[in-house]
Amino acid sequence: MSFDTPEANRAFQQKFGFPYDLCSDTDKSASVAFGVSDAADPRPKRMSVLVGPDGKVVAAYEKVTPADHPDEVLADLNRLG
């Protein structure tokens, strides 16, 4: 999720061939609600949040190493059962 417009995210998605849509949070409401950013922040922090099926945050990853992060998230998903 980024503060970029849906159009900018769509262009980024297409440029890098992501098979999923990217979310836009142009008014910062989701980022503020999840505690990732402050309303005054010009850009969101680089952070991942894993949301469970019940809509609750089950893990927050404040420091992400791109090469290791997918395995970390998959391990947490497996623990959810």
PDB file of N, CA and C in Angstrom:
ATOM      1  N   MET A   1       0.855  -1.159   0.000  1.00  0.00           N
ATOM      2  CA  MET A   1       0.000   0.000   0.000  1.00  0.00           C
ATOM      3  C   MET A   1       0.904   1.226   0.000  1.00  0.00           C
ATOM      4  N   SER A   2       0.555   2.191  -0.794  1.00  0.00           N
ATOM      5  CA  SER A   2       1.352   3.406  -0.847  1.00  0.00           C
ATOM      6  C   SER A   2       0.435   4.621  -0.894  1.00  0.00           C
ATOM      7  N   PHE A   3       1.035   5.768  -0.742  1.00  0.00           N
ATOM      8  CA  PHE A   3       0.282   7.016  -0.843  1.00  0.00           C
ATOM      9  C   PHE A   3       0.116   7.435  -2.302  1.00  0.00           C
ATOM     10  N   ASP A   4       0.647   6.641  -3.227  1.00  0.00           N
ATOM     11  CA  ASP A   4       0.543   6.955  -4.650  1.00  0.00           C
ATOM     12  C   ASP A   4      -0.881   6.730  -5.146  1.00  0.00           C
ATOM     13  N   THR A   5      -1.205   7.336  -6.263  1.00  0.00           N
ATOM     14  CA  THR A   5      -2.530   7.194  -6.857  1.00  0.00           C
ATOM     15  C   THR A   5      -2.712   5.791  -7.427  1.00  0.00           C
ATOM     16  N   PRO A   6      -3.950   5.362  -7.614  1.00  0.00           N
ATOM     17  CA  PRO A   6      -4.180   4.061  -8.249  1.00  0.00           C
ATOM     18  C   PRO A   6      -3.518   3.972  -9.630  1.00  0.00           C
ATOM     19  N   GLU A   7      -3.524   5.059 -10.364  1.00  0.00           N
ATOM     20  CA  GLU A   7      -2.904   5.058 -11.694  1.00  0.00           C
ATOM     21  C   GLU A   7      -1.395   4.835 -11.604  1.00  0.00           C
ATOM     22  N   ALA A   8      -0.748   5.502 -10.647  1.00  0.00           N
ATOM     23  CA  ALA A   8       0.698   5.331 -10.475  1.00  0.00           C
ATOM     24  C   ALA A   8       1.017   3.903 -10.027  1.00  0.00           C
ATOM     25  N   ASN A   9       0.203   3.352  -9.138  1.00  0.00           N
ATOM     26  CA  ASN A   9       0.429   1.976  -8.690  1.00  0.00           C
ATOM     27  C   ASN A   9       0.204   0.980  -9.825  1.00  0.00           C
ATOM     28  N   ARG A  10      -0.794   1.224 -10.663  1.00  0.00           N
ATOM     29  CA  ARG A  10      -1.056   0.345 -11.802  1.00  0.00           C
ATOM     30  C   ARG A  10       0.136   0.356 -12.761  1.00  0.00           C
ATOM     31  N   ALA A  11       0.697   1.533 -13.013  1.00  0.00           N
ATOM     32  CA  ALA A  11       1.865   1.634 -13.890  1.00  0.00           C
ATOM     33  C   ALA A  11       3.057   0.885 -13.286  1.00  0.00           C
ATOM     34  N   PHE A  12       3.263   1.007 -11.974  1.00  0.00           N
ATOM     35  CA  PHE A  12       4.346   0.314 -11.285  1.00  0.00           C
ATOM     36  C   PHE A  12       4.130  -1.199 -11.360  1.00  0.00           C
ATOM     37  N   GLN A  13       2.896  -1.636 -11.145  1.00  0.00           N
ATOM     38  CA  GLN A  13       2.541  -3.052 -11.221  1.00  0.00           C
ATOM     39  C   GLN A  13       2.857  -3.606 -12.607  1.00  0.00           C
ATOM     40  N   GLN A  14       2.457  -2.878 -13.630  1.00  0.00           N
ATOM     41  CA  GLN A  14       2.681  -3.329 -15.004  1.00  0.00           C
ATOM     42  C   GLN A  14       4.166  -3.319 -15.359  1.00  0.00           C
ATOM     43  N   LYS A  15       4.880  -2.309 -14.910  1.00  0.00           N
ATOM     44  CA  LYS A  15       6.308  -2.200 -15.207  1.00  0.00           C
ATOM     45  C   LYS A  15       7.081  -3.404 -14.677  1.00  0.00           C
ATOM     46  N   PHE A  16       6.727  -3.848 -13.478  1.00  0.00           N
ATOM     47  CA  PHE A  16       7.460  -4.947 -12.850  1.00  0.00           C
ATOM     48  C   PHE A  16       6.742  -6.295 -12.953  1.00  0.00           C
ATOM     49  N   GLY A  17       5.578  -6.318 -13.623  1.00  0.00           N
ATOM     50  CA  GLY A  17       4.875  -7.563 -13.879  1.00  0.00           C
ATOM     51  C   GLY A  17       4.309  -8.256 -12.654  1.00  0.00           C
ATOM     52  N   PHE A  18       3.911  -7.476 -11.657  1.00  0.00           N
ATOM     53  CA  PHE A  18       3.309  -8.078 -10.465  1.00  0.00           C
ATOM     54  C   PHE A  18       1.974  -8.721 -10.838  1.00  0.00           C
ATOM     55  N   PRO A  19       1.711  -9.933 -10.367  1.00  0.00           N
ATOM     56  CA  PRO A  19       0.448 -10.596 -10.700  1.00  0.00           C
ATOM     57  C   PRO A  19      -0.694 -10.225  -9.757  1.00  0.00           C
ATOM     58  N   TYR A  20      -0.544  -9.159  -9.011  1.00  0.00           N
ATOM     59  CA  TYR A  20      -1.559  -8.721  -8.054  1.00  0.00           C
ATOM     60  C   TYR A  20      -1.667  -7.205  -8.111  1.00  0.00           C
ATOM     61  N   ASP A  21      -2.794  -6.699  -7.668  1.00  0.00           N
ATOM     62  CA  ASP A  21      -2.997  -5.259  -7.634  1.00  0.00           C
ATOM     63  C   ASP A  21      -2.278  -4.648  -6.438  1.00  0.00           C
ATOM     64  N   LEU A  22      -1.875  -3.407  -6.577  1.00  0.00           N
ATOM     65  CA  LEU A  22      -1.264  -2.656  -5.482  1.00  0.00           C
ATOM     66  C   LEU A  22      -2.305  -1.693  -4.933  1.00  0.00           C
ATOM     67  N   CYS A  23      -2.347  -1.570  -3.630  1.00  0.00           N
ATOM     68  CA  CYS A  23      -3.350  -0.719  -2.985  1.00  0.00           C
ATOM     69  C   CYS A  23      -2.845   0.707  -2.844  1.00  0.00           C
ATOM     70  N   SER A  24      -3.753   1.642  -3.009  1.00  0.00           N
ATOM     71  CA  SER A  24      -3.456   3.061  -2.821  1.00  0.00           C
ATOM     72  C   SER A  24      -4.125   3.551  -1.543  1.00  0.00           C
ATOM     73  N   ASP A  25      -3.402   4.375  -0.827  1.00  0.00           N
ATOM     74  CA  ASP A  25      -3.906   4.977   0.410  1.00  0.00           C
ATOM     75  C   ASP A  25      -3.646   6.478   0.341  1.00  0.00           C
ATOM     76  N   THR A  26      -4.235   7.109  -0.669  1.00  0.00           N
ATOM     77  CA  THR A  26      -3.921   8.510  -0.940  1.00  0.00           C
ATOM     78  C   THR A  26      -4.314   9.454   0.187  1.00  0.00           C
ATOM     79  N   ASP A  27      -5.313   9.067   0.987  1.00  0.00           N
ATOM     80  CA  ASP A  27      -5.699   9.939   2.111  1.00  0.00           C
ATOM     81  C   ASP A  27      -5.032   9.516   3.428  1.00  0.00           C
ATOM     82  N   LYS A  28      -4.184   8.467   3.363  1.00  0.00           N
ATOM     83  CA  LYS A  28      -3.389   7.969   4.485  1.00  0.00           C
ATOM     84  C   LYS A  28      -4.218   7.304   5.582  1.00  0.00           C
ATOM     85  N   SER A  29      -5.503   7.134   5.384  1.00  0.00           N
ATOM     86  CA  SER A  29      -6.359   6.624   6.453  1.00  0.00           C
ATOM     87  C   SER A  29      -5.997   5.202   6.881  1.00  0.00           C
ATOM     88  N   ALA A  30      -5.712   4.315   5.945  1.00  0.00           N
ATOM     89  CA  ALA A  30      -5.362   2.941   6.309  1.00  0.00           C
ATOM     90  C   ALA A  30      -4.011   2.897   7.019  1.00  0.00           C
ATOM     91  N   SER A  31      -3.039   3.637   6.513  1.00  0.00           N
ATOM     92  CA  SER A  31      -1.704   3.659   7.121  1.00  0.00           C
ATOM     93  C   SER A  31      -1.740   4.204   8.539  1.00  0.00           C
ATOM     94  N   VAL A  32      -2.558   5.216   8.748  1.00  0.00           N
ATOM     95  CA  VAL A  32      -2.701   5.788  10.097  1.00  0.00           C
ATOM     96  C   VAL A  32      -3.455   4.806  10.994  1.00  0.00           C
ATOM     97  N   ALA A  33      -4.514   4.188  10.472  1.00  0.00           N
ATOM     98  CA  ALA A  33      -5.317   3.246  11.270  1.00  0.00           C
ATOM     99  C   ALA A  33      -4.484   2.051  11.728  1.00  0.00           C
ATOM    100  N   PHE A  34      -3.561   1.582  10.879  1.00  0.00           N
ATOM    101  CA  PHE A  34      -2.720   0.441  11.233  1.00  0.00           C
ATOM    102  C   PHE A  34      -1.461   0.856  11.988  1.00  0.00           C
ATOM    103  N   GLY A  35      -1.295   2.157  12.229  1.00  0.00           N
ATOM    104  CA  GLY A  35      -0.146   2.623  12.992  1.00  0.00           C
ATOM    105  C   GLY A  35       1.158   2.598  12.227  1.00  0.00           C
ATOM    106  N   VAL A  36       1.086   2.512  10.908  1.00  0.00           N
ATOM    107  CA  VAL A  36       2.292   2.473  10.088  1.00  0.00           C
ATOM    108  C   VAL A  36       2.839   3.877   9.862  1.00  0.00           C
ATOM    109  N   SER A  37       1.964   4.834   9.733  1.00  0.00           N
ATOM    110  CA  SER A  37       2.375   6.205   9.459  1.00  0.00           C
ATOM    111  C   SER A  37       1.569   7.177  10.304  1.00  0.00           C
ATOM    112  N   ASP A  38       2.113   8.357  10.409  1.00  0.00           N
ATOM    113  CA  ASP A  38       1.426   9.473  11.045  1.00  0.00           C
ATOM    114  C   ASP A  38       0.801  10.290   9.926  1.00  0.00           C
ATOM    115  N   ALA A  39      -0.298  10.939  10.192  1.00  0.00           N
ATOM    116  CA  ALA A  39      -0.982  11.725   9.161  1.00  0.00           C
ATOM    117  C   ALA A  39      -0.081  12.782   8.553  1.00  0.00           C
ATOM    118  N   ALA A  40       0.932  13.251   9.293  1.00  0.00           N
ATOM    119  CA  ALA A  40       1.832  14.291   8.792  1.00  0.00           C
ATOM    120  C   ALA A  40       2.979  13.729   7.945  1.00  0.00           C
ATOM    121  N   ASP A  41       3.154  12.395   7.931  1.00  0.00           N
ATOM    122  CA  ASP A  41       4.241  11.794   7.161  1.00  0.00           C
ATOM    123  C   ASP A  41       4.016  12.007   5.664  1.00  0.00           C
ATOM    124  N   PRO A  42       5.039  12.459   4.946  1.00  0.00           N
ATOM    125  CA  PRO A  42       4.876  12.627   3.501  1.00  0.00           C
ATOM    126  C   PRO A  42       4.887  11.302   2.750  1.00  0.00           C
ATOM    127  N   ARG A  43       5.494  10.275   3.350  1.00  0.00           N
ATOM    128  CA  ARG A  43       5.572   8.952   2.729  1.00  0.00           C
ATOM    129  C   ARG A  43       5.372   7.891   3.799  1.00  0.00           C
ATOM    130  N   PRO A  44       4.786   6.754   3.427  1.00  0.00           N
ATOM    131  CA  PRO A  44       4.632   5.677   4.414  1.00  0.00           C
ATOM    132  C   PRO A  44       5.982   5.044   4.713  1.00  0.00           C
ATOM    133  N   LYS A  45       6.102   4.458   5.885  1.00  0.00           N
ATOM    134  CA  LYS A  45       7.302   3.707   6.224  1.00  0.00           C
ATOM    135  C   LYS A  45       7.308   2.425   5.408  1.00  0.00           C
ATOM    136  N   ARG A  46       8.498   1.887   5.195  1.00  0.00           N
ATOM    137  CA  ARG A  46       8.616   0.586   4.541  1.00  0.00           C
ATOM    138  C   ARG A  46       8.364  -0.471   5.605  1.00  0.00           C
ATOM    139  N   MET A  47       7.186  -1.018   5.576  1.00  0.00           N
ATOM    140  CA  MET A  47       6.772  -1.959   6.600  1.00  0.00           C
ATOM    141  C   MET A  47       5.732  -2.895   6.012  1.00  0.00           C
ATOM    142  N   SER A  48       5.721  -4.123   6.500  1.00  0.00           N
ATOM    143  CA  SER A  48       4.681  -5.072   6.096  1.00  0.00           C
ATOM    144  C   SER A  48       3.808  -5.375   7.296  1.00  0.00           C
ATOM    145  N   VAL A  49       2.541  -5.585   7.013  1.00  0.00           N
ATOM    146  CA  VAL A  49       1.584  -5.955   8.045  1.00  0.00           C
ATOM    147  C   VAL A  49       0.821  -7.168   7.529  1.00  0.00           C
ATOM    148  N   LEU A  50       0.782  -8.223   8.337  1.00  0.00           N
ATOM    149  CA  LEU A  50       0.034  -9.423   7.985  1.00  0.00           C
ATOM    150  C   LEU A  50      -1.300  -9.372   8.711  1.00  0.00           C
ATOM    151  N   VAL A  51      -2.375  -9.371   7.939  1.00  0.00           N
ATOM    152  CA  VAL A  51      -3.721  -9.297   8.494  1.00  0.00           C
ATOM    153  C   VAL A  51      -4.361 -10.673   8.383  1.00  0.00           C
ATOM    154  N   GLY A  52      -4.877 -11.167   9.493  1.00  0.00           N
ATOM    155  CA  GLY A  52      -5.506 -12.479   9.523  1.00  0.00           C
ATOM    156  C   GLY A  52      -6.897 -12.465   8.936  1.00  0.00           C
ATOM    157  N   PRO A  53      -7.488 -13.631   8.782  1.00  0.00           N
ATOM    158  CA  PRO A  53      -8.831 -13.744   8.209  1.00  0.00           C
ATOM    159  C   PRO A  53      -9.890 -12.972   8.991  1.00  0.00           C
ATOM    160  N   ASP A  54      -9.629 -12.723  10.277  1.00  0.00           N
ATOM    161  CA  ASP A  54     -10.589 -11.993  11.099  1.00  0.00           C
ATOM    162  C   ASP A  54     -10.411 -10.477  11.012  1.00  0.00           C
ATOM    163  N   GLY A  55      -9.456 -10.031  10.175  1.00  0.00           N
ATOM    164  CA  GLY A  55      -9.225  -8.605   9.991  1.00  0.00           C
ATOM    165  C   GLY A  55      -8.284  -7.994  11.010  1.00  0.00           C
ATOM    166  N   LYS A  56      -7.735  -8.806  11.906  1.00  0.00           N
ATOM    167  CA  LYS A  56      -6.810  -8.308  12.926  1.00  0.00           C
ATOM    168  C   LYS A  56      -5.369  -8.499  12.477  1.00  0.00           C
ATOM    169  N   VAL A  57      -4.519  -7.570  12.872  1.00  0.00           N
ATOM    170  CA  VAL A  57      -3.098  -7.671  12.556  1.00  0.00           C
ATOM    171  C   VAL A  57      -2.498  -8.797  13.393  1.00  0.00           C
ATOM    172  N   VAL A  58      -1.894  -9.772  12.726  1.00  0.00           N
ATOM    173  CA  VAL A  58      -1.282 -10.892  13.435  1.00  0.00           C
ATOM    174  C   VAL A  58       0.235 -10.789  13.465  1.00  0.00           C
ATOM    175  N   ALA A  59       0.802  -9.968  12.593  1.00  0.00           N
ATOM    176  CA  ALA A  59       2.253  -9.749  12.604  1.00  0.00           C
ATOM    177  C   ALA A  59       2.545  -8.419  11.939  1.00  0.00           C
ATOM    178  N   ALA A  60       3.543  -7.734  12.463  1.00  0.00           N
ATOM    179  CA  ALA A  60       4.022  -6.490  11.864  1.00  0.00           C
ATOM    180  C   ALA A  60       5.524  -6.625  11.684  1.00  0.00           C
ATOM    181  N   TYR A  61       5.979  -6.320  10.500  1.00  0.00           N
ATOM    182  CA  TYR A  61       7.392  -6.453  10.150  1.00  0.00           C
ATOM    183  C   TYR A  61       7.945  -5.051   9.910  1.00  0.00           C
ATOM    184  N   GLU A  62       8.592  -4.500  10.912  1.00  0.00           N
ATOM    185  CA  GLU A  62       9.083  -3.128  10.811  1.00  0.00           C
ATOM    186  C   GLU A  62      10.369  -3.022  10.012  1.00  0.00           C
ATOM    187  N   LYS A  63      11.144  -4.082   9.974  1.00  0.00           N
ATOM    188  CA  LYS A  63      12.367  -4.115   9.165  1.00  0.00           C
ATOM    189  C   LYS A  63      12.242  -5.290   8.214  1.00  0.00           C
ATOM    190  N   VAL A  64      12.295  -4.998   6.935  1.00  0.00           N
ATOM    191  CA  VAL A  64      12.073  -6.011   5.923  1.00  0.00           C
ATOM    192  C   VAL A  64      13.323  -6.174   5.067  1.00  0.00           C
ATOM    193  N   THR A  65      13.799  -7.406   4.952  1.00  0.00           N
ATOM    194  CA  THR A  65      14.875  -7.745   4.014  1.00  0.00           C
ATOM    195  C   THR A  65      14.194  -8.433   2.834  1.00  0.00           C
ATOM    196  N   PRO A  66      14.148  -7.782   1.681  1.00  0.00           N
ATOM    197  CA  PRO A  66      13.373  -8.324   0.559  1.00  0.00           C
ATOM    198  C   PRO A  66      13.678  -9.786   0.221  1.00  0.00           C
ATOM    199  N   ALA A  67      14.921 -10.207   0.303  1.00  0.00           N
ATOM    200  CA  ALA A  67      15.263 -11.588  -0.054  1.00  0.00           C
ATOM    201  C   ALA A  67      14.694 -12.596   0.938  1.00  0.00           C
ATOM    202  N   ASP A  68      14.543 -12.219   2.192  1.00  0.00           N
ATOM    203  CA  ASP A  68      14.085 -13.135   3.235  1.00  0.00           C
ATOM    204  C   ASP A  68      12.611 -12.982   3.589  1.00  0.00           C
ATOM    205  N   HIS A  69      12.034 -11.866   3.262  1.00  0.00           N
ATOM    206  CA  HIS A  69      10.696 -11.531   3.735  1.00  0.00           C
ATOM    207  C   HIS A  69       9.603 -12.500   3.283  1.00  0.00           C
ATOM    208  N   PRO A  70       9.578 -12.926   2.017  1.00  0.00           N
ATOM    209  CA  PRO A  70       8.503 -13.856   1.622  1.00  0.00           C
ATOM    210  C   PRO A  70       8.481 -15.130   2.469  1.00  0.00           C
ATOM    211  N   ASP A  71       9.652 -15.702   2.752  1.00  0.00           N
ATOM    212  CA  ASP A  71       9.705 -16.911   3.573  1.00  0.00           C
ATOM    213  C   ASP A  71       9.227 -16.634   4.994  1.00  0.00           C
ATOM    214  N   GLU A  72       9.560 -15.463   5.511  1.00  0.00           N
ATOM    215  CA  GLU A  72       9.135 -15.077   6.853  1.00  0.00           C
ATOM    216  C   GLU A  72       7.606 -14.990   6.928  1.00  0.00           C
ATOM    217  N   VAL A  73       7.009 -14.348   5.938  1.00  0.00           N
ATOM    218  CA  VAL A  73       5.551 -14.210   5.912  1.00  0.00           C
ATOM    219  C   VAL A  73       4.876 -15.564   5.715  1.00  0.00           C
ATOM    220  N   LEU A  74       5.409 -16.384   4.812  1.00  0.00           N
ATOM    221  CA  LEU A  74       4.832 -17.708   4.593  1.00  0.00           C
ATOM    222  C   LEU A  74       4.893 -18.569   5.859  1.00  0.00           C
ATOM    223  N   ALA A  75       5.988 -18.471   6.611  1.00  0.00           N
ATOM    224  CA  ALA A  75       6.101 -19.222   7.862  1.00  0.00           C
ATOM    225  C   ALA A  75       5.028 -18.747   8.847  1.00  0.00           C
ATOM    226  N   ASP A  76       4.811 -17.442   8.921  1.00  0.00           N
ATOM    227  CA  ASP A  76       3.771 -16.923   9.817  1.00  0.00           C
ATOM    228  C   ASP A  76       2.373 -17.354   9.357  1.00  0.00           C
ATOM    229  N   LEU A  77       2.152 -17.379   8.054  1.00  0.00           N
ATOM    230  CA  LEU A  77       0.857 -17.844   7.543  1.00  0.00           C
ATOM    231  C   LEU A  77       0.630 -19.312   7.893  1.00  0.00           C
ATOM    232  N   ASN A  78       1.672 -20.114   7.782  1.00  0.00           N
ATOM    233  CA  ASN A  78       1.555 -21.538   8.124  1.00  0.00           C
ATOM    234  C   ASN A  78       1.233 -21.725   9.599  1.00  0.00           C
ATOM    235  N   ARG A  79       1.758 -20.858  10.456  1.00  0.00           N
ATOM    236  CA  ARG A  79       1.476 -20.930  11.882  1.00  0.00           C
ATOM    237  C   ARG A  79       0.018 -20.588  12.192  1.00  0.00           C
ATOM    238  N   LEU A  80      -0.595 -19.779  11.328  1.00  0.00           N
ATOM    239  CA  LEU A  80      -2.006 -19.432  11.525  1.00  0.00           C
ATOM    240  C   LEU A  80      -2.912 -20.640  11.308  1.00  0.00           C
ATOM    241  N   GLY A  81      -2.406 -21.592  10.524  1.00  0.00           N
ATOM    242  CA  GLY A  81      -3.124 -22.832  10.295  1.00  0.00           C
ATOM    243  C   GLY A  81      -4.207 -22.698   9.325  1.00  0.00           C
TER     244      GLY A  81
END
